[in-house]
């Protein structure tokens, strides 16, 4: 079974983005998501125990594997982002 067979597009796809806690993090992440998968999303932001990092959870509407690949590539290149799952 290939990765293409595991996902049937379009589908709801959960993303988790971890990064340095700063005012720009959520704005940068959401503008990147809107660029690749426009929609009305409700991100959830959780701070780490010491408050140094934020985890952003958002479920997007994915339309293709190529869309997800491009989105992941751009998210990991953002200055304050450390991990994208």
PDB file of N, CA and C in Angstrom:
ATOM      1  N   UNK A   1       0.850  -1.179   0.000  1.00  0.00           N
ATOM      2  CA  UNK A   1       0.000   0.000   0.000  1.00  0.00           C
ATOM      3  C   UNK A   1       0.892   1.238   0.000  1.00  0.00           C
ATOM      4  N   UNK A   2       0.654   2.144  -0.932  1.00  0.00           N
ATOM      5  CA  UNK A   2       1.449   3.364  -1.016  1.00  0.00           C
ATOM      6  C   UNK A   2       0.822   4.460  -0.170  1.00  0.00           C
ATOM      7  N   UNK A   3       1.583   5.522   0.047  1.00  0.00           N
ATOM      8  CA  UNK A   3       1.059   6.642   0.827  1.00  0.00           C
ATOM      9  C   UNK A   3      -0.115   7.303   0.116  1.00  0.00           C
ATOM     10  N   UNK A   4      -0.142   7.251  -1.213  1.00  0.00           N
ATOM     11  CA  UNK A   4      -1.269   7.799  -1.963  1.00  0.00           C
ATOM     12  C   UNK A   4      -2.559   7.055  -1.638  1.00  0.00           C
ATOM     13  N   UNK A   5      -2.462   5.746  -1.384  1.00  0.00           N
ATOM     14  CA  UNK A   5      -3.643   4.950  -1.094  1.00  0.00           C
ATOM     15  C   UNK A   5      -4.148   5.176   0.328  1.00  0.00           C
ATOM     16  N   UNK A   6      -3.294   5.665   1.214  1.00  0.00           N
ATOM     17  CA  UNK A   6      -3.698   5.880   2.596  1.00  0.00           C
ATOM     18  C   UNK A   6      -4.610   7.091   2.744  1.00  0.00           C
ATOM     19  N   UNK A   7      -4.450   8.072   1.880  1.00  0.00           N
ATOM     20  CA  UNK A   7      -5.267   9.277   1.933  1.00  0.00           C
ATOM     21  C   UNK A   7      -6.112   9.366   0.678  1.00  0.00           C
ATOM     22  N   UNK A   8      -7.384   9.667   0.875  1.00  0.00           N
ATOM     23  CA  UNK A   8      -8.266   9.896  -0.262  1.00  0.00           C
ATOM     24  C   UNK A   8      -8.623  11.376  -0.261  1.00  0.00           C
ATOM     25  N   UNK A   9      -8.279  12.052  -1.338  1.00  0.00           N
ATOM     26  CA  UNK A   9      -8.479  13.495  -1.421  1.00  0.00           C
ATOM     27  C   UNK A   9      -9.781  13.807  -2.139  1.00  0.00           C
ATOM     28  N   UNK A  10     -10.443  14.896  -1.740  1.00  0.00           N
ATOM     29  CA  UNK A  10     -10.110  15.797  -0.640  1.00  0.00           C
ATOM     30  C   UNK A  10     -10.404  15.148   0.712  1.00  0.00           C
ATOM     31  N   UNK A  11      -9.696  15.620   1.746  1.00  0.00           N
ATOM     32  CA  UNK A  11      -9.896  15.083   3.092  1.00  0.00           C
ATOM     33  C   UNK A  11      -9.527  16.132   4.131  1.00  0.00           C
ATOM     34  N   UNK A  12     -10.048  15.945   5.336  1.00  0.00           N
ATOM     35  CA  UNK A  12      -9.637  16.774   6.464  1.00  0.00           C
ATOM     36  C   UNK A  12      -8.321  16.222   6.969  1.00  0.00           C
ATOM     37  N   UNK A  13      -7.333  17.102   7.152  1.00  0.00           N
ATOM     38  CA  UNK A  13      -5.989  16.667   7.497  1.00  0.00           C
ATOM     39  C   UNK A  13      -5.487  17.476   8.689  1.00  0.00           C
ATOM     40  N   UNK A  14      -5.218  16.822   9.830  1.00  0.00           N
ATOM     41  CA  UNK A  14      -4.748  17.549  11.015  1.00  0.00           C
ATOM     42  C   UNK A  14      -3.263  17.898  10.906  1.00  0.00           C
ATOM     43  N   UNK A  15      -2.931  19.119  11.293  1.00  0.00           N
ATOM     44  CA  UNK A  15      -1.541  19.575  11.338  1.00  0.00           C
ATOM     45  C   UNK A  15      -1.193  19.977  12.759  1.00  0.00           C
ATOM     46  N   UNK A  16       0.053  19.728  13.131  1.00  0.00           N
ATOM     47  CA  UNK A  16       0.584  20.209  14.405  1.00  0.00           C
ATOM     48  C   UNK A  16       1.894  20.914  14.089  1.00  0.00           C
ATOM     49  N   UNK A  17       1.979  22.154  14.513  1.00  0.00           N
ATOM     50  CA  UNK A  17       3.164  22.961  14.249  1.00  0.00           C
ATOM     51  C   UNK A  17       3.699  23.450  15.587  1.00  0.00           C
ATOM     52  N   UNK A  18       4.967  23.171  15.868  1.00  0.00           N
ATOM     53  CA  UNK A  18       5.593  23.631  17.095  1.00  0.00           C
ATOM     54  C   UNK A  18       6.644  24.672  16.754  1.00  0.00           C
ATOM     55  N   UNK A  19       6.676  25.738  17.570  1.00  0.00           N
ATOM     56  CA  UNK A  19       7.649  26.784  17.310  1.00  0.00           C
ATOM     57  C   UNK A  19       7.892  27.646  18.527  1.00  0.00           C
ATOM     58  N   UNK A  20       8.822  28.568  18.364  1.00  0.00           N
ATOM     59  CA  UNK A  20       9.190  29.501  19.424  1.00  0.00           C
ATOM     60  C   UNK A  20       7.983  30.387  19.731  1.00  0.00           C
ATOM     61  N   UNK A  21       7.700  30.575  21.017  1.00  0.00           N
ATOM     62  CA  UNK A  21       6.570  31.403  21.430  1.00  0.00           C
ATOM     63  C   UNK A  21       6.884  32.868  21.124  1.00  0.00           C
ATOM     64  N   UNK A  22       6.246  33.397  20.101  1.00  0.00           N
ATOM     65  CA  UNK A  22       6.412  34.804  19.738  1.00  0.00           C
ATOM     66  C   UNK A  22       5.135  35.254  19.038  1.00  0.00           C
ATOM     67  N   UNK A  23       4.892  36.555  19.009  1.00  0.00           N
ATOM     68  CA  UNK A  23       3.653  37.055  18.399  1.00  0.00           C
ATOM     69  C   UNK A  23       3.501  36.695  16.923  1.00  0.00           C
ATOM     70  N   UNK A  24       4.610  36.543  16.205  1.00  0.00           N
ATOM     71  CA  UNK A  24       4.545  36.287  14.770  1.00  0.00           C
ATOM     72  C   UNK A  24       4.208  34.840  14.423  1.00  0.00           C
ATOM     73  N   UNK A  25       4.413  33.913  15.340  1.00  0.00           N
ATOM     74  CA  UNK A  25       4.285  32.491  15.019  1.00  0.00           C
ATOM     75  C   UNK A  25       2.912  32.153  14.444  1.00  0.00           C
ATOM     76  N   UNK A  26       1.855  32.446  15.164  1.00  0.00           N
ATOM     77  CA  UNK A  26       0.508  32.084  14.706  1.00  0.00           C
ATOM     78  C   UNK A  26       0.170  32.783  13.392  1.00  0.00           C
ATOM     79  N   UNK A  27       0.483  34.069  13.286  1.00  0.00           N
ATOM     80  CA  UNK A  27       0.185  34.803  12.052  1.00  0.00           C
ATOM     81  C   UNK A  27       0.923  34.214  10.856  1.00  0.00           C
ATOM     82  N   UNK A  28       2.208  33.916  11.024  1.00  0.00           N
ATOM     83  CA  UNK A  28       3.002  33.346   9.930  1.00  0.00           C
ATOM     84  C   UNK A  28       2.473  31.975   9.517  1.00  0.00           C
ATOM     85  N   UNK A  29       2.155  31.143  10.508  1.00  0.00           N
ATOM     86  CA  UNK A  29       1.652  29.799  10.225  1.00  0.00           C
ATOM     87  C   UNK A  29       0.306  29.872   9.504  1.00  0.00           C
ATOM     88  N   UNK A  30      -0.598  30.685  10.006  1.00  0.00           N
ATOM     89  CA  UNK A  30      -1.935  30.741   9.409  1.00  0.00           C
ATOM     90  C   UNK A  30      -1.917  31.385   8.024  1.00  0.00           C
ATOM     91  N   UNK A  31      -1.057  32.372   7.799  1.00  0.00           N
ATOM     92  CA  UNK A  31      -0.991  32.961   6.457  1.00  0.00           C
ATOM     93  C   UNK A  31      -0.421  31.955   5.459  1.00  0.00           C
ATOM     94  N   UNK A  32       0.512  31.126   5.898  1.00  0.00           N
ATOM     95  CA  UNK A  32       1.060  30.080   5.032  1.00  0.00           C
ATOM     96  C   UNK A  32      -0.005  29.034   4.724  1.00  0.00           C
ATOM     97  N   UNK A  33      -0.760  28.636   5.737  1.00  0.00           N
ATOM     98  CA  UNK A  33      -1.841  27.670   5.522  1.00  0.00           C
ATOM     99  C   UNK A  33      -2.875  28.240   4.554  1.00  0.00           C
ATOM    100  N   UNK A  34      -3.259  29.497   4.740  1.00  0.00           N
ATOM    101  CA  UNK A  34      -4.251  30.119   3.854  1.00  0.00           C
ATOM    102  C   UNK A  34      -3.757  30.186   2.413  1.00  0.00           C
ATOM    103  N   UNK A  35      -2.467  30.367   2.233  1.00  0.00           N
ATOM    104  CA  UNK A  35      -1.884  30.419   0.885  1.00  0.00           C
ATOM    105  C   UNK A  35      -2.055  29.083   0.157  1.00  0.00           C
ATOM    106  N   UNK A  36      -1.888  27.983   0.889  1.00  0.00           N
ATOM    107  CA  UNK A  36      -1.923  26.654   0.277  1.00  0.00           C
ATOM    108  C   UNK A  36      -3.289  25.972   0.363  1.00  0.00           C
ATOM    109  N   UNK A  37      -4.049  26.282   1.410  1.00  0.00           N
ATOM    110  CA  UNK A  37      -5.348  25.628   1.619  1.00  0.00           C
ATOM    111  C   UNK A  37      -6.327  26.639   2.213  1.00  0.00           C
ATOM    112  N   UNK A  38      -6.830  27.558   1.391  1.00  0.00           N
ATOM    113  CA  UNK A  38      -7.729  28.587   1.914  1.00  0.00           C
ATOM    114  C   UNK A  38      -8.947  27.977   2.611  1.00  0.00           C
ATOM    115  N   UNK A  39      -9.320  28.587   3.729  1.00  0.00           N
ATOM    116  CA  UNK A  39     -10.481  28.105   4.461  1.00  0.00           C
ATOM    117  C   UNK A  39     -10.662  28.866   5.754  1.00  0.00           C
ATOM    118  N   UNK A  40     -11.760  28.588   6.424  1.00  0.00           N
ATOM    119  CA  UNK A  40     -12.078  29.219   7.704  1.00  0.00           C
ATOM    120  C   UNK A  40     -11.661  28.259   8.811  1.00  0.00           C
ATOM    121  N   UNK A  41     -10.430  28.386   9.279  1.00  0.00           N
ATOM    122  CA  UNK A  41      -9.869  27.453  10.252  1.00  0.00           C
ATOM    123  C   UNK A  41      -9.854  28.052  11.650  1.00  0.00           C
ATOM    124  N   UNK A  42      -9.962  27.183  12.638  1.00  0.00           N
ATOM    125  CA  UNK A  42      -9.937  27.576  14.043  1.00  0.00           C
ATOM    126  C   UNK A  42      -8.727  26.932  14.716  1.00  0.00           C
ATOM    127  N   UNK A  43      -7.567  27.567  14.658  1.00  0.00           N
ATOM    128  CA  UNK A  43      -6.374  26.959  15.261  1.00  0.00           C
ATOM    129  C   UNK A  43      -6.462  26.951  16.781  1.00  0.00           C
ATOM    130  N   UNK A  44      -5.887  25.921  17.375  1.00  0.00           N
ATOM    131  CA  UNK A  44      -5.764  25.834  18.831  1.00  0.00           C
ATOM    132  C   UNK A  44      -4.294  26.006  19.167  1.00  0.00           C
ATOM    133  N   UNK A  45      -4.004  26.905  20.107  1.00  0.00           N
ATOM    134  CA  UNK A  45      -2.623  27.180  20.490  1.00  0.00           C
ATOM    135  C   UNK A  45      -2.432  26.776  21.942  1.00  0.00           C
ATOM    136  N   UNK A  46      -1.384  25.987  22.188  1.00  0.00           N
ATOM    137  CA  UNK A  46      -1.052  25.543  23.538  1.00  0.00           C
ATOM    138  C   UNK A  46       0.389  25.919  23.831  1.00  0.00           C
ATOM    139  N   UNK A  47       0.619  26.489  25.010  1.00  0.00           N
ATOM    140  CA  UNK A  47       1.971  26.873  25.417  1.00  0.00           C
ATOM    141  C   UNK A  47       2.654  25.707  26.119  1.00  0.00           C
ATOM    142  N   UNK A  48       3.972  25.655  25.998  1.00  0.00           N
ATOM    143  CA  UNK A  48       4.749  24.644  26.723  1.00  0.00           C
ATOM    144  C   UNK A  48       4.746  24.993  28.210  1.00  0.00           C
ATOM    145  N   UNK A  49       5.212  24.072  29.033  1.00  0.00           N
ATOM    146  CA  UNK A  49       5.204  24.263  30.486  1.00  0.00           C
ATOM    147  C   UNK A  49       5.940  25.537  30.901  1.00  0.00           C
ATOM    148  N   UNK A  50       7.063  25.815  30.266  1.00  0.00           N
ATOM    149  CA  UNK A  50       7.836  27.016  30.608  1.00  0.00           C
ATOM    150  C   UNK A  50       7.443  28.225  29.767  1.00  0.00           C
ATOM    151  N   UNK A  51       6.567  28.016  28.797  1.00  0.00           N
ATOM    152  CA  UNK A  51       6.102  29.116  27.968  1.00  0.00           C
ATOM    153  C   UNK A  51       7.048  29.533  26.860  1.00  0.00           C
ATOM    154  N   UNK A  52       8.090  28.756  26.627  1.00  0.00           N
ATOM    155  CA  UNK A  52       9.063  29.109  25.590  1.00  0.00           C
ATOM    156  C   UNK A  52       8.607  28.714  24.189  1.00  0.00           C
ATOM    157  N   UNK A  53       7.705  27.743  24.104  1.00  0.00           N
ATOM    158  CA  UNK A  53       7.253  27.223  22.814  1.00  0.00           C
ATOM    159  C   UNK A  53       5.730  27.173  22.764  1.00  0.00           C
ATOM    160  N   UNK A  54       5.206  27.241  21.551  1.00  0.00           N
ATOM    161  CA  UNK A  54       3.775  27.083  21.329  1.00  0.00           C
ATOM    162  C   UNK A  54       3.551  25.936  20.359  1.00  0.00           C
ATOM    163  N   UNK A  55       2.486  25.189  20.598  1.00  0.00           N
ATOM    164  CA  UNK A  55       2.044  24.148  19.674  1.00  0.00           C
ATOM    165  C   UNK A  55       0.722  24.622  19.074  1.00  0.00           C
ATOM    166  N   UNK A  56       0.658  24.610  17.767  1.00  0.00           N
ATOM    167  CA  UNK A  56      -0.547  25.026  17.051  1.00  0.00           C
ATOM    168  C   UNK A  56      -1.158  23.787  16.410  1.00  0.00           C
ATOM    169  N   UNK A  57      -2.441  23.574  16.684  1.00  0.00           N
ATOM    170  CA  UNK A  57      -3.169  22.466  16.055  1.00  0.00           C
ATOM    171  C   UNK A  57      -4.255  23.055  15.168  1.00  0.00           C
ATOM    172  N   UNK A  58      -4.305  22.571  13.939  1.00  0.00           N
ATOM    173  CA  UNK A  58      -5.336  23.030  13.007  1.00  0.00           C
ATOM    174  C   UNK A  58      -5.601  21.910  12.006  1.00  0.00           C
ATOM    175  N   UNK A  59      -6.863  21.727  11.660  1.00  0.00           N
ATOM    176  CA  UNK A  59      -7.239  20.729  10.661  1.00  0.00           C
ATOM    177  C   UNK A  59      -7.610  21.466   9.386  1.00  0.00           C
ATOM    178  N   UNK A  60      -6.921  21.112   8.301  1.00  0.00           N
ATOM    179  CA  UNK A  60      -7.155  21.770   7.021  1.00  0.00           C
ATOM    180  C   UNK A  60      -7.928  20.845   6.087  1.00  0.00           C
ATOM    181  N   UNK A  61      -8.411  21.407   5.004  1.00  0.00           N
ATOM    182  CA  UNK A  61      -9.039  20.622   3.938  1.00  0.00           C
ATOM    183  C   UNK A  61      -7.988  20.438   2.854  1.00  0.00           C
ATOM    184  N   UNK A  62      -7.449  19.239   2.772  1.00  0.00           N
ATOM    185  CA  UNK A  62      -6.391  18.930   1.809  1.00  0.00           C
ATOM    186  C   UNK A  62      -7.004  18.405   0.518  1.00  0.00           C
ATOM    187  N   UNK A  63      -6.449  18.851  -0.602  1.00  0.00           N
ATOM    188  CA  UNK A  63      -6.979  18.446  -1.899  1.00  0.00           C
ATOM    189  C   UNK A  63      -6.043  17.539  -2.684  1.00  0.00           C
ATOM    190  N   UNK A  64      -4.765  17.487  -2.299  1.00  0.00           N
ATOM    191  CA  UNK A  64      -3.823  16.622  -3.020  1.00  0.00           C
ATOM    192  C   UNK A  64      -2.558  16.414  -2.199  1.00  0.00           C
ATOM    193  N   UNK A  65      -1.819  15.389  -2.555  1.00  0.00           N
ATOM    194  CA  UNK A  65      -0.529  15.117  -1.915  1.00  0.00           C
ATOM    195  C   UNK A  65       0.458  16.252  -2.212  1.00  0.00           C
ATOM    196  N   UNK A  66       0.408  16.771  -3.427  1.00  0.00           N
ATOM    197  CA  UNK A  66       1.295  17.862  -3.817  1.00  0.00           C
ATOM    198  C   UNK A  66       1.036  19.107  -2.977  1.00  0.00           C
ATOM    199  N   UNK A  67      -0.239  19.375  -2.690  1.00  0.00           N
ATOM    200  CA  UNK A  67      -0.596  20.505  -1.847  1.00  0.00           C
ATOM    201  C   UNK A  67       0.010  20.341  -0.458  1.00  0.00           C
ATOM    202  N   UNK A  68      -0.128  19.152   0.127  1.00  0.00           N
ATOM    203  CA  UNK A  68       0.427  18.898   1.457  1.00  0.00           C
ATOM    204  C   UNK A  68       1.946  19.018   1.460  1.00  0.00           C
ATOM    205  N   UNK A  69       2.593  18.482   0.439  1.00  0.00           N
ATOM    206  CA  UNK A  69       4.055  18.570   0.360  1.00  0.00           C
ATOM    207  C   UNK A  69       4.519  20.023   0.299  1.00  0.00           C
ATOM    208  N   UNK A  70       3.862  20.833  -0.518  1.00  0.00           N
ATOM    209  CA  UNK A  70       4.231  22.246  -0.639  1.00  0.00           C
ATOM    210  C   UNK A  70       3.984  22.988   0.672  1.00  0.00           C
ATOM    211  N   UNK A  71       2.880  22.672   1.335  1.00  0.00           N
ATOM    212  CA  UNK A  71       2.564  23.308   2.615  1.00  0.00           C
ATOM    213  C   UNK A  71       3.598  22.949   3.672  1.00  0.00           C
ATOM    214  N   UNK A  72       3.927  21.669   3.805  1.00  0.00           N
ATOM    215  CA  UNK A  72       4.944  21.241   4.766  1.00  0.00           C
ATOM    216  C   UNK A  72       6.274  21.930   4.491  1.00  0.00           C
ATOM    217  N   UNK A  73       6.667  21.977   3.232  1.00  0.00           N
ATOM    218  CA  UNK A  73       7.949  22.577   2.862  1.00  0.00           C
ATOM    219  C   UNK A  73       8.006  24.045   3.288  1.00  0.00           C
ATOM    220  N   UNK A  74       6.923  24.779   3.037  1.00  0.00           N
ATOM    221  CA  UNK A  74       6.923  26.196   3.403  1.00  0.00           C
ATOM    222  C   UNK A  74       6.820  26.394   4.912  1.00  0.00           C
ATOM    223  N   UNK A  75       6.026  25.563   5.599  1.00  0.00           N
ATOM    224  CA  UNK A  75       5.912  25.702   7.055  1.00  0.00           C
ATOM    225  C   UNK A  75       7.252  25.475   7.748  1.00  0.00           C
ATOM    226  N   UNK A  76       7.988  24.437   7.358  1.00  0.00           N
ATOM    227  CA  UNK A  76       9.267  24.158   8.029  1.00  0.00           C
ATOM    228  C   UNK A  76      10.316  25.219   7.724  1.00  0.00           C
ATOM    229  N   UNK A  77      10.109  26.000   6.670  1.00  0.00           N
ATOM    230  CA  UNK A  77      11.071  27.054   6.346  1.00  0.00           C
ATOM    231  C   UNK A  77      10.798  28.356   7.102  1.00  0.00           C
ATOM    232  N   UNK A  78       9.671  28.440   7.815  1.00  0.00           N
ATOM    233  CA  UNK A  78       9.373  29.650   8.582  1.00  0.00           C
ATOM    234  C   UNK A  78      10.370  29.819   9.726  1.00  0.00           C
ATOM    235  N   UNK A  79      10.729  31.048   9.989  1.00  0.00           N
ATOM    236  CA  UNK A  79      11.785  31.380  10.954  1.00  0.00           C
ATOM    237  C   UNK A  79      11.558  30.788  12.344  1.00  0.00           C
ATOM    238  N   UNK A  80      10.353  30.893  12.870  1.00  0.00           N
ATOM    239  CA  UNK A  80      10.093  30.495  14.256  1.00  0.00           C
ATOM    240  C   UNK A  80       9.588  29.063  14.406  1.00  0.00           C
ATOM    241  N   UNK A  81       9.348  28.370  13.309  1.00  0.00           N
ATOM    242  CA  UNK A  81       8.832  26.997  13.361  1.00  0.00           C
ATOM    243  C   UNK A  81       9.976  26.016  13.580  1.00  0.00           C
ATOM    244  N   UNK A  82       9.771  25.084  14.516  1.00  0.00           N
ATOM    245  CA  UNK A  82      10.781  24.063  14.809  1.00  0.00           C
ATOM    246  C   UNK A  82      10.389  22.691  14.273  1.00  0.00           C
ATOM    247  N   UNK A  83       9.091  22.332  14.373  1.00  0.00           N
ATOM    248  CA  UNK A  83       8.634  20.998  13.974  1.00  0.00           C
ATOM    249  C   UNK A  83       7.250  21.112  13.344  1.00  0.00           C
ATOM    250  N   UNK A  84       7.026  20.335  12.278  1.00  0.00           N
ATOM    251  CA  UNK A  84       5.699  20.224  11.670  1.00  0.00           C
ATOM    252  C   UNK A  84       5.353  18.746  11.598  1.00  0.00           C
ATOM    253  N   UNK A  85       4.212  18.386  12.162  1.00  0.00           N
ATOM    254  CA  UNK A  85       3.742  16.997  12.139  1.00  0.00           C
ATOM    255  C   UNK A  85       2.403  16.927  11.429  1.00  0.00           C
TER     256      UNK A  85
END
